[in-house]
Amino acid sequence: MKTNYLLPNRFKLIGWIILIPTLVLSILFFLFFEFEPDFLNIKVFAFFAEESIDFFSTSKEYFTFVKTNALDEILALSLIISALFVAFSKEKDEDEFISKIRLESLVWATYINYAILFFSIIFIFGFPFFWVMVCNMFTILIFFIIRFNWLIYKSKKTVKNEE
């Protein structure tokens, strides 16, 4: 089967090597420790930046440089790139069955992702909602990877049992 939209199989291993430590570090640094190393405090270009002046007002700036800690950007980009590598790399034996599992897993992950969003819009407010939205950027890829690999594992196990 011709799958021009998929990456070569070698990207899957690269993706896993980056994804696992990035996911662990992201969870540890953002949910538990709020770690921001000083050497990652850098000035970066921003199309739009907002800075609190006092409790009641903020300063909005466009096309400017801001000082920020780049750890969250590095981890977020690493997480997205590595998850895309894992999710959208060809399997060694890519066939119609794998394509069917891939499509079903993507649809399933989309449904779950938006169910979480739907629930969050109704029941979560304020800053916790922001954290749900941040996590929701990654969940569609994570849910896809989990379900796709689980179904591949189950199908291989079924084939071995039949032999």
N, C-alpha and C. Protein backbone atom coordinates (compact mmCIF):
# COMPACT_ATOMS: atom_id res chain seq x y z
N MET A 1 0.84 -1.18 0.00
CA MET A 1 0.00 0.00 0.00
C MET A 1 0.89 1.24 0.00
N LYS A 2 0.55 2.20 -0.81
CA LYS A 2 1.31 3.44 -0.92
C LYS A 2 0.86 4.42 0.17
N THR A 3 1.82 4.82 1.02
CA THR A 3 1.51 5.76 2.11
C THR A 3 2.52 6.90 2.07
N ASN A 4 2.27 7.87 1.22
CA ASN A 4 3.19 8.98 1.05
C ASN A 4 3.21 9.92 2.25
N TYR A 5 2.17 9.91 3.04
CA TYR A 5 2.08 10.84 4.16
C TYR A 5 2.83 10.37 5.41
N LEU A 6 3.32 9.14 5.41
CA LEU A 6 4.03 8.60 6.57
C LEU A 6 5.53 8.79 6.44
N LEU A 7 6.18 8.94 7.59
CA LEU A 7 7.64 9.05 7.64
C LEU A 7 8.26 7.66 7.50
N PRO A 8 9.52 7.58 7.12
CA PRO A 8 10.19 6.27 7.07
C PRO A 8 10.22 5.63 8.46
N ASN A 9 10.29 4.31 8.50
CA ASN A 9 10.24 3.55 9.74
C ASN A 9 11.33 3.94 10.74
N ARG A 10 12.50 4.35 10.28
CA ARG A 10 13.60 4.68 11.19
C ARG A 10 13.26 5.86 12.11
N PHE A 11 12.30 6.70 11.73
CA PHE A 11 11.90 7.83 12.56
C PHE A 11 11.19 7.38 13.84
N LYS A 12 10.59 6.18 13.81
CA LYS A 12 9.88 5.68 14.98
C LYS A 12 10.83 5.49 16.16
N LEU A 13 11.99 4.89 15.93
CA LEU A 13 12.96 4.69 17.01
C LEU A 13 13.48 6.03 17.53
N ILE A 14 13.79 6.94 16.64
CA ILE A 14 14.24 8.28 17.04
C ILE A 14 13.16 8.95 17.89
N GLY A 15 11.91 8.82 17.45
CA GLY A 15 10.79 9.40 18.19
C GLY A 15 10.68 8.83 19.60
N TRP A 16 10.77 7.50 19.74
CA TRP A 16 10.68 6.89 21.06
C TRP A 16 11.82 7.33 21.96
N ILE A 17 13.02 7.43 21.39
CA ILE A 17 14.20 7.84 22.19
C ILE A 17 14.01 9.24 22.74
N ILE A 18 13.37 10.11 21.99
CA ILE A 18 13.14 11.49 22.45
C ILE A 18 11.86 11.58 23.29
N LEU A 19 10.81 10.85 22.90
CA LEU A 19 9.50 10.98 23.54
C LEU A 19 9.50 10.55 25.01
N ILE A 20 10.05 9.42 25.31
CA ILE A 20 9.97 8.90 26.68
C ILE A 20 10.63 9.83 27.69
N PRO A 21 11.90 10.23 27.51
CA PRO A 21 12.47 11.15 28.50
C PRO A 21 11.79 12.52 28.51
N THR A 22 11.36 12.99 27.34
CA THR A 22 10.69 14.29 27.29
C THR A 22 9.37 14.26 28.04
N LEU A 23 8.62 13.19 27.89
CA LEU A 23 7.35 13.06 28.59
C LEU A 23 7.57 12.99 30.10
N VAL A 24 8.54 12.23 30.53
CA VAL A 24 8.85 12.12 31.97
C VAL A 24 9.29 13.48 32.52
N LEU A 25 10.21 14.14 31.83
CA LEU A 25 10.69 15.44 32.29
C LEU A 25 9.57 16.48 32.30
N SER A 26 8.72 16.46 31.29
CA SER A 26 7.61 17.41 31.24
C SER A 26 6.68 17.24 32.43
N ILE A 27 6.34 16.01 32.73
CA ILE A 27 5.45 15.75 33.87
C ILE A 27 6.13 16.17 35.17
N LEU A 28 7.38 15.80 35.33
CA LEU A 28 8.09 16.16 36.57
C LEU A 28 8.26 17.66 36.73
N PHE A 29 8.72 18.34 35.68
CA PHE A 29 9.05 19.76 35.79
C PHE A 29 7.82 20.65 35.89
N PHE A 30 6.75 20.30 35.20
CA PHE A 30 5.60 21.20 35.18
C PHE A 30 4.55 20.87 36.22
N LEU A 31 4.40 19.60 36.56
CA LEU A 31 3.36 19.24 37.51
C LEU A 31 3.86 19.15 38.95
N PHE A 32 5.14 18.89 39.13
CA PHE A 32 5.61 18.67 40.48
C PHE A 32 6.66 19.66 40.97
N PHE A 33 7.64 20.00 40.15
CA PHE A 33 8.78 20.76 40.64
C PHE A 33 8.87 22.21 40.17
N GLU A 34 8.20 22.57 39.09
CA GLU A 34 8.30 23.91 38.51
C GLU A 34 9.76 24.34 38.37
N PHE A 35 10.54 23.49 37.76
CA PHE A 35 11.97 23.69 37.58
C PHE A 35 12.24 24.57 36.37
N GLU A 36 13.05 25.61 36.56
CA GLU A 36 13.45 26.49 35.46
C GLU A 36 14.94 26.79 35.59
N PRO A 37 15.79 26.09 34.86
CA PRO A 37 17.24 26.31 34.98
C PRO A 37 17.63 27.71 34.49
N ASP A 38 18.54 28.34 35.21
CA ASP A 38 18.96 29.71 34.91
C ASP A 38 19.58 29.84 33.52
N PHE A 39 20.31 28.83 33.07
CA PHE A 39 20.98 28.96 31.77
C PHE A 39 19.99 29.01 30.59
N LEU A 40 18.72 28.67 30.85
CA LEU A 40 17.72 28.76 29.79
C LEU A 40 16.92 30.06 29.86
N ASN A 41 17.31 30.98 30.72
CA ASN A 41 16.70 32.32 30.72
C ASN A 41 17.32 33.10 29.58
N ILE A 42 16.54 33.31 28.53
CA ILE A 42 17.06 33.95 27.32
C ILE A 42 16.05 34.96 26.79
N LYS A 43 16.53 35.84 25.93
CA LYS A 43 15.65 36.77 25.23
C LYS A 43 15.23 36.12 23.92
N VAL A 44 13.92 36.15 23.66
CA VAL A 44 13.40 35.58 22.44
C VAL A 44 12.47 36.58 21.77
N PHE A 45 12.32 36.43 20.47
CA PHE A 45 11.42 37.29 19.72
C PHE A 45 9.99 36.82 19.95
N ALA A 46 9.07 37.77 20.13
CA ALA A 46 7.66 37.44 20.33
C ALA A 46 6.81 38.31 19.41
N PHE A 47 5.85 37.69 18.74
CA PHE A 47 4.88 38.45 17.96
C PHE A 47 3.97 39.25 18.87
N PHE A 48 3.62 38.63 20.01
CA PHE A 48 2.73 39.27 20.97
C PHE A 48 3.19 38.87 22.37
N ALA A 49 3.31 39.86 23.25
CA ALA A 49 3.69 39.58 24.63
C ALA A 49 2.85 40.45 25.55
N GLU A 50 2.55 39.89 26.71
CA GLU A 50 1.76 40.62 27.69
C GLU A 50 2.48 40.51 29.02
N GLU A 51 2.68 41.63 29.66
CA GLU A 51 3.39 41.65 30.93
C GLU A 51 2.54 42.37 31.97
N SER A 52 2.49 41.79 33.17
CA SER A 52 1.72 42.41 34.25
C SER A 52 2.48 43.61 34.79
N ILE A 53 1.80 44.75 34.83
CA ILE A 53 2.38 45.96 35.41
C ILE A 53 2.07 45.98 36.91
N ASP A 54 0.83 45.79 37.23
CA ASP A 54 0.42 45.66 38.63
C ASP A 54 -0.79 44.72 38.65
N PHE A 55 -1.48 44.67 39.76
CA PHE A 55 -2.59 43.73 39.91
C PHE A 55 -3.72 43.98 38.91
N PHE A 56 -3.91 45.22 38.51
CA PHE A 56 -5.06 45.58 37.69
C PHE A 56 -4.76 45.77 36.20
N SER A 57 -3.51 45.94 35.83
CA SER A 57 -3.23 46.27 34.43
C SER A 57 -2.06 45.48 33.87
N THR A 58 -2.08 45.37 32.55
CA THR A 58 -1.02 44.67 31.84
C THR A 58 -0.54 45.54 30.69
N SER A 59 0.67 45.26 30.27
CA SER A 59 1.26 45.95 29.12
C SER A 59 1.28 44.97 27.96
N LYS A 60 0.70 45.36 26.84
CA LYS A 60 0.70 44.52 25.65
C LYS A 60 1.72 45.07 24.66
N GLU A 61 2.55 44.17 24.15
CA GLU A 61 3.57 44.58 23.20
C GLU A 61 3.51 43.66 21.99
N TYR A 62 3.81 44.22 20.83
CA TYR A 62 3.81 43.47 19.59
C TYR A 62 5.21 43.53 18.96
N PHE A 63 5.62 42.43 18.36
CA PHE A 63 6.90 42.33 17.65
C PHE A 63 8.04 42.88 18.53
N THR A 64 8.29 42.16 19.60
CA THR A 64 9.27 42.61 20.58
C THR A 64 10.11 41.44 21.05
N PHE A 65 11.08 41.72 21.85
CA PHE A 65 11.88 40.69 22.48
C PHE A 65 11.50 40.61 23.95
N VAL A 66 11.36 39.40 24.46
CA VAL A 66 11.02 39.19 25.86
C VAL A 66 12.01 38.22 26.48
N LYS A 67 12.23 38.38 27.76
CA LYS A 67 13.09 37.45 28.49
C LYS A 67 12.21 36.36 29.09
N THR A 68 12.56 35.12 28.82
CA THR A 68 11.77 33.99 29.30
C THR A 68 12.67 32.81 29.55
N ASN A 69 12.16 31.84 30.28
CA ASN A 69 12.87 30.59 30.44
C ASN A 69 12.38 29.65 29.34
N ALA A 70 13.27 29.16 28.53
CA ALA A 70 12.91 28.42 27.33
C ALA A 70 12.65 26.93 27.58
N LEU A 71 12.70 26.48 28.83
CA LEU A 71 12.51 25.06 29.10
C LEU A 71 11.16 24.55 28.62
N ASP A 72 10.10 25.29 28.90
CA ASP A 72 8.78 24.81 28.49
C ASP A 72 8.63 24.75 26.98
N GLU A 73 9.22 25.70 26.26
CA GLU A 73 9.16 25.67 24.80
C GLU A 73 9.96 24.48 24.25
N ILE A 74 11.13 24.25 24.83
CA ILE A 74 11.98 23.13 24.38
C ILE A 74 11.27 21.81 24.62
N LEU A 75 10.71 21.63 25.81
CA LEU A 75 10.02 20.37 26.11
C LEU A 75 8.76 20.20 25.25
N ALA A 76 8.00 21.27 25.07
CA ALA A 76 6.78 21.17 24.26
C ALA A 76 7.10 20.81 22.82
N LEU A 77 8.09 21.49 22.23
CA LEU A 77 8.46 21.18 20.84
C LEU A 77 9.04 19.78 20.71
N SER A 78 9.85 19.37 21.68
CA SER A 78 10.40 18.00 21.66
C SER A 78 9.30 16.97 21.78
N LEU A 79 8.32 17.25 22.63
CA LEU A 79 7.20 16.33 22.81
C LEU A 79 6.38 16.21 21.53
N ILE A 80 6.09 17.33 20.90
CA ILE A 80 5.30 17.31 19.66
C ILE A 80 6.06 16.60 18.54
N ILE A 81 7.30 16.96 18.33
CA ILE A 81 8.08 16.36 17.24
C ILE A 81 8.27 14.87 17.45
N SER A 82 8.64 14.47 18.66
CA SER A 82 8.87 13.05 18.91
C SER A 82 7.57 12.25 18.81
N ALA A 83 6.46 12.80 19.31
CA ALA A 83 5.18 12.10 19.21
C ALA A 83 4.75 11.98 17.74
N LEU A 84 4.99 13.01 16.95
CA LEU A 84 4.69 12.92 15.52
C LEU A 84 5.55 11.85 14.85
N PHE A 85 6.82 11.76 15.22
CA PHE A 85 7.70 10.73 14.67
C PHE A 85 7.17 9.34 15.02
N VAL A 86 6.78 9.13 16.28
CA VAL A 86 6.28 7.82 16.70
C VAL A 86 4.95 7.51 16.03
N ALA A 87 4.06 8.49 16.03
CA ALA A 87 2.71 8.25 15.53
C ALA A 87 2.65 8.06 14.02
N PHE A 88 3.45 8.79 13.28
CA PHE A 88 3.29 8.82 11.84
C PHE A 88 4.51 8.30 11.08
N SER A 89 5.19 7.32 11.67
CA SER A 89 6.22 6.58 10.96
C SER A 89 5.64 5.25 10.51
N LYS A 90 6.08 4.80 9.35
CA LYS A 90 5.61 3.53 8.82
C LYS A 90 6.00 2.40 9.75
N GLU A 91 5.17 1.39 9.78
CA GLU A 91 5.53 0.13 10.43
C GLU A 91 6.43 -0.64 9.48
N LYS A 92 7.14 -1.62 10.00
CA LYS A 92 8.02 -2.41 9.12
C LYS A 92 7.23 -3.09 8.01
N ASP A 93 6.05 -3.59 8.36
CA ASP A 93 5.17 -4.22 7.37
C ASP A 93 3.88 -3.42 7.30
N GLU A 94 3.91 -2.34 6.58
CA GLU A 94 2.74 -1.46 6.45
C GLU A 94 1.80 -2.04 5.39
N ASP A 95 0.59 -2.42 5.82
CA ASP A 95 -0.39 -2.97 4.89
C ASP A 95 -1.76 -2.34 5.16
N GLU A 96 -2.80 -2.88 4.50
CA GLU A 96 -4.14 -2.31 4.66
C GLU A 96 -4.65 -2.45 6.09
N PHE A 97 -4.32 -3.56 6.73
CA PHE A 97 -4.76 -3.77 8.11
C PHE A 97 -4.16 -2.72 9.04
N ILE A 98 -2.88 -2.45 8.88
CA ILE A 98 -2.21 -1.43 9.69
C ILE A 98 -2.82 -0.06 9.40
N SER A 99 -3.10 0.22 8.14
CA SER A 99 -3.73 1.49 7.78
C SER A 99 -5.10 1.64 8.43
N LYS A 100 -5.85 0.54 8.46
CA LYS A 100 -7.17 0.56 9.11
C LYS A 100 -7.03 0.84 10.60
N ILE A 101 -6.10 0.17 11.25
CA ILE A 101 -5.86 0.40 12.68
C ILE A 101 -5.41 1.84 12.91
N ARG A 102 -4.55 2.34 12.04
CA ARG A 102 -4.06 3.72 12.16
C ARG A 102 -5.22 4.72 12.08
N LEU A 103 -6.09 4.54 11.10
CA LEU A 103 -7.24 5.44 10.94
C LEU A 103 -8.20 5.34 12.13
N GLU A 104 -8.54 4.13 12.54
CA GLU A 104 -9.44 3.95 13.67
C GLU A 104 -8.86 4.54 14.95
N SER A 105 -7.57 4.39 15.15
CA SER A 105 -6.91 4.93 16.34
C SER A 105 -6.91 6.45 16.32
N LEU A 106 -6.71 7.02 15.15
CA LEU A 106 -6.73 8.48 15.04
C LEU A 106 -8.13 9.03 15.31
N VAL A 107 -9.14 8.37 14.79
CA VAL A 107 -10.52 8.80 15.05
C VAL A 107 -10.84 8.65 16.53
N TRP A 108 -10.49 7.52 17.12
CA TRP A 108 -10.73 7.27 18.53
C TRP A 108 -10.02 8.32 19.40
N ALA A 109 -8.76 8.62 19.09
CA ALA A 109 -8.00 9.62 19.85
C ALA A 109 -8.63 11.01 19.73
N THR A 110 -9.15 11.32 18.56
CA THR A 110 -9.82 12.61 18.37
C THR A 110 -11.09 12.69 19.21
N TYR A 111 -11.88 11.63 19.22
CA TYR A 111 -13.09 11.61 20.04
C TYR A 111 -12.75 11.79 21.53
N ILE A 112 -11.78 11.06 22.02
CA ILE A 112 -11.40 11.14 23.43
C ILE A 112 -10.86 12.54 23.75
N ASN A 113 -10.02 13.06 22.88
CA ASN A 113 -9.45 14.40 23.08
C ASN A 113 -10.55 15.45 23.21
N TYR A 114 -11.52 15.40 22.32
CA TYR A 114 -12.59 16.39 22.37
C TYR A 114 -13.60 16.11 23.47
N ALA A 115 -13.74 14.87 23.90
CA ALA A 115 -14.58 14.58 25.07
C ALA A 115 -13.97 15.22 26.32
N ILE A 116 -12.65 15.14 26.44
CA ILE A 116 -11.98 15.79 27.56
C ILE A 116 -12.17 17.29 27.47
N LEU A 117 -12.04 17.85 26.30
CA LEU A 117 -12.23 19.29 26.11
C LEU A 117 -13.67 19.69 26.44
N PHE A 118 -14.63 18.93 25.97
CA PHE A 118 -16.04 19.20 26.24
C PHE A 118 -16.30 19.20 27.75
N PHE A 119 -15.82 18.16 28.43
CA PHE A 119 -15.97 18.05 29.89
C PHE A 119 -15.31 19.25 30.58
N SER A 120 -14.12 19.62 30.14
CA SER A 120 -13.37 20.71 30.76
C SER A 120 -14.06 22.06 30.58
N ILE A 121 -14.64 22.29 29.41
CA ILE A 121 -15.33 23.55 29.16
C ILE A 121 -16.51 23.70 30.13
N ILE A 122 -17.16 22.60 30.42
CA ILE A 122 -18.33 22.65 31.30
C ILE A 122 -17.95 22.73 32.78
N PHE A 123 -16.91 22.00 33.20
CA PHE A 123 -16.67 21.81 34.63
C PHE A 123 -15.38 22.40 35.18
N ILE A 124 -14.48 22.92 34.36
CA ILE A 124 -13.21 23.43 34.86
C ILE A 124 -13.07 24.90 34.47
N PHE A 125 -12.68 25.74 35.43
CA PHE A 125 -12.64 27.18 35.20
C PHE A 125 -11.33 27.77 35.68
N GLY A 126 -11.03 28.97 35.18
CA GLY A 126 -9.86 29.70 35.63
C GLY A 126 -8.56 29.10 35.13
N PHE A 127 -7.53 29.24 35.94
CA PHE A 127 -6.19 28.79 35.54
C PHE A 127 -6.11 27.27 35.35
N PRO A 128 -6.84 26.46 36.13
CA PRO A 128 -6.82 25.01 35.84
C PRO A 128 -7.28 24.68 34.42
N PHE A 129 -8.22 25.47 33.89
CA PHE A 129 -8.66 25.25 32.51
C PHE A 129 -7.51 25.49 31.53
N PHE A 130 -6.69 26.50 31.81
CA PHE A 130 -5.51 26.76 30.98
C PHE A 130 -4.61 25.53 30.96
N TRP A 131 -4.39 24.88 32.12
CA TRP A 131 -3.54 23.70 32.17
C TRP A 131 -4.16 22.53 31.41
N VAL A 132 -5.48 22.42 31.46
CA VAL A 132 -6.15 21.38 30.67
C VAL A 132 -5.90 21.63 29.19
N MET A 133 -6.00 22.89 28.76
CA MET A 133 -5.77 23.23 27.36
C MET A 133 -4.33 22.94 26.93
N VAL A 134 -3.40 23.25 27.81
CA VAL A 134 -1.99 22.97 27.51
C VAL A 134 -1.79 21.46 27.33
N CYS A 135 -2.30 20.69 28.27
CA CYS A 135 -2.17 19.23 28.17
C CYS A 135 -2.93 18.68 26.97
N ASN A 136 -4.06 19.30 26.65
CA ASN A 136 -4.89 18.83 25.54
C ASN A 136 -4.19 18.98 24.18
N MET A 137 -3.18 19.85 24.12
CA MET A 137 -2.41 19.96 22.87
C MET A 137 -1.70 18.65 22.55
N PHE A 138 -1.34 17.91 23.58
CA PHE A 138 -0.52 16.71 23.40
C PHE A 138 -1.34 15.43 23.47
N THR A 139 -2.52 15.48 24.08
CA THR A 139 -3.24 14.24 24.35
C THR A 139 -3.69 13.52 23.08
N ILE A 140 -4.02 14.23 22.05
CA ILE A 140 -4.49 13.53 20.84
C ILE A 140 -3.38 12.63 20.29
N LEU A 141 -2.14 13.13 20.29
CA LEU A 141 -1.02 12.29 19.82
C LEU A 141 -0.74 11.15 20.80
N ILE A 142 -0.78 11.45 22.10
CA ILE A 142 -0.50 10.42 23.10
C ILE A 142 -1.56 9.33 23.06
N PHE A 143 -2.84 9.72 23.00
CA PHE A 143 -3.91 8.72 22.92
C PHE A 143 -3.80 7.89 21.65
N PHE A 144 -3.47 8.54 20.54
CA PHE A 144 -3.29 7.80 19.28
C PHE A 144 -2.18 6.77 19.42
N ILE A 145 -1.03 7.20 19.94
CA ILE A 145 0.12 6.30 20.08
C ILE A 145 -0.23 5.10 20.97
N ILE A 146 -0.89 5.37 22.09
CA ILE A 146 -1.25 4.29 23.01
C ILE A 146 -2.19 3.31 22.34
N ARG A 147 -3.25 3.81 21.75
CA ARG A 147 -4.25 2.90 21.15
C ARG A 147 -3.68 2.17 19.94
N PHE A 148 -2.99 2.87 19.07
CA PHE A 148 -2.43 2.24 17.87
C PHE A 148 -1.47 1.11 18.26
N ASN A 149 -0.55 1.39 19.18
CA ASN A 149 0.42 0.37 19.58
C ASN A 149 -0.24 -0.77 20.34
N TRP A 150 -1.27 -0.49 21.13
CA TRP A 150 -2.00 -1.53 21.83
C TRP A 150 -2.68 -2.48 20.83
N LEU A 151 -3.32 -1.91 19.81
CA LEU A 151 -3.98 -2.75 18.81
C LEU A 151 -2.99 -3.55 17.98
N ILE A 152 -1.84 -2.96 17.66
CA ILE A 152 -0.79 -3.70 16.95
C ILE A 152 -0.29 -4.85 17.81
N TYR A 153 -0.07 -4.58 19.09
CA TYR A 153 0.39 -5.61 20.03
C TYR A 153 -0.64 -6.75 20.11
N LYS A 154 -1.92 -6.39 20.27
CA LYS A 154 -2.98 -7.40 20.36
C LYS A 154 -3.07 -8.23 19.09
N SER A 155 -2.94 -7.59 17.92
CA SER A 155 -3.06 -8.34 16.67
C SER A 155 -1.87 -9.29 16.49
N LYS A 156 -0.67 -8.86 16.90
CA LYS A 156 0.50 -9.76 16.81
C LYS A 156 0.36 -10.92 17.77
N LYS A 157 -0.18 -10.65 18.95
CA LYS A 157 -0.39 -11.71 19.94
C LYS A 157 -1.41 -12.71 19.45
N THR A 158 -2.47 -12.23 18.79
CA THR A 158 -3.51 -13.10 18.24
C THR A 158 -2.93 -13.98 17.14
N VAL A 159 -2.11 -13.40 16.28
CA VAL A 159 -1.50 -14.17 15.19
C VAL A 159 -0.59 -15.25 15.75
N LYS A 160 0.19 -14.93 16.78
CA LYS A 160 1.08 -15.94 17.40
C LYS A 160 0.28 -17.07 18.02
N ASN A 161 -0.84 -16.75 18.68
CA ASN A 161 -1.69 -17.77 19.30
C ASN A 161 -2.33 -18.68 18.27
N GLU A 162 -2.64 -18.15 17.09
CA GLU A 162 -3.26 -18.94 16.04
C GLU A 162 -2.27 -19.90 15.39
N GLU A 163 -0.98 -19.53 15.43
CA GLU A 163 0.05 -20.39 14.81
C GLU A 163 0.34 -21.52 15.73
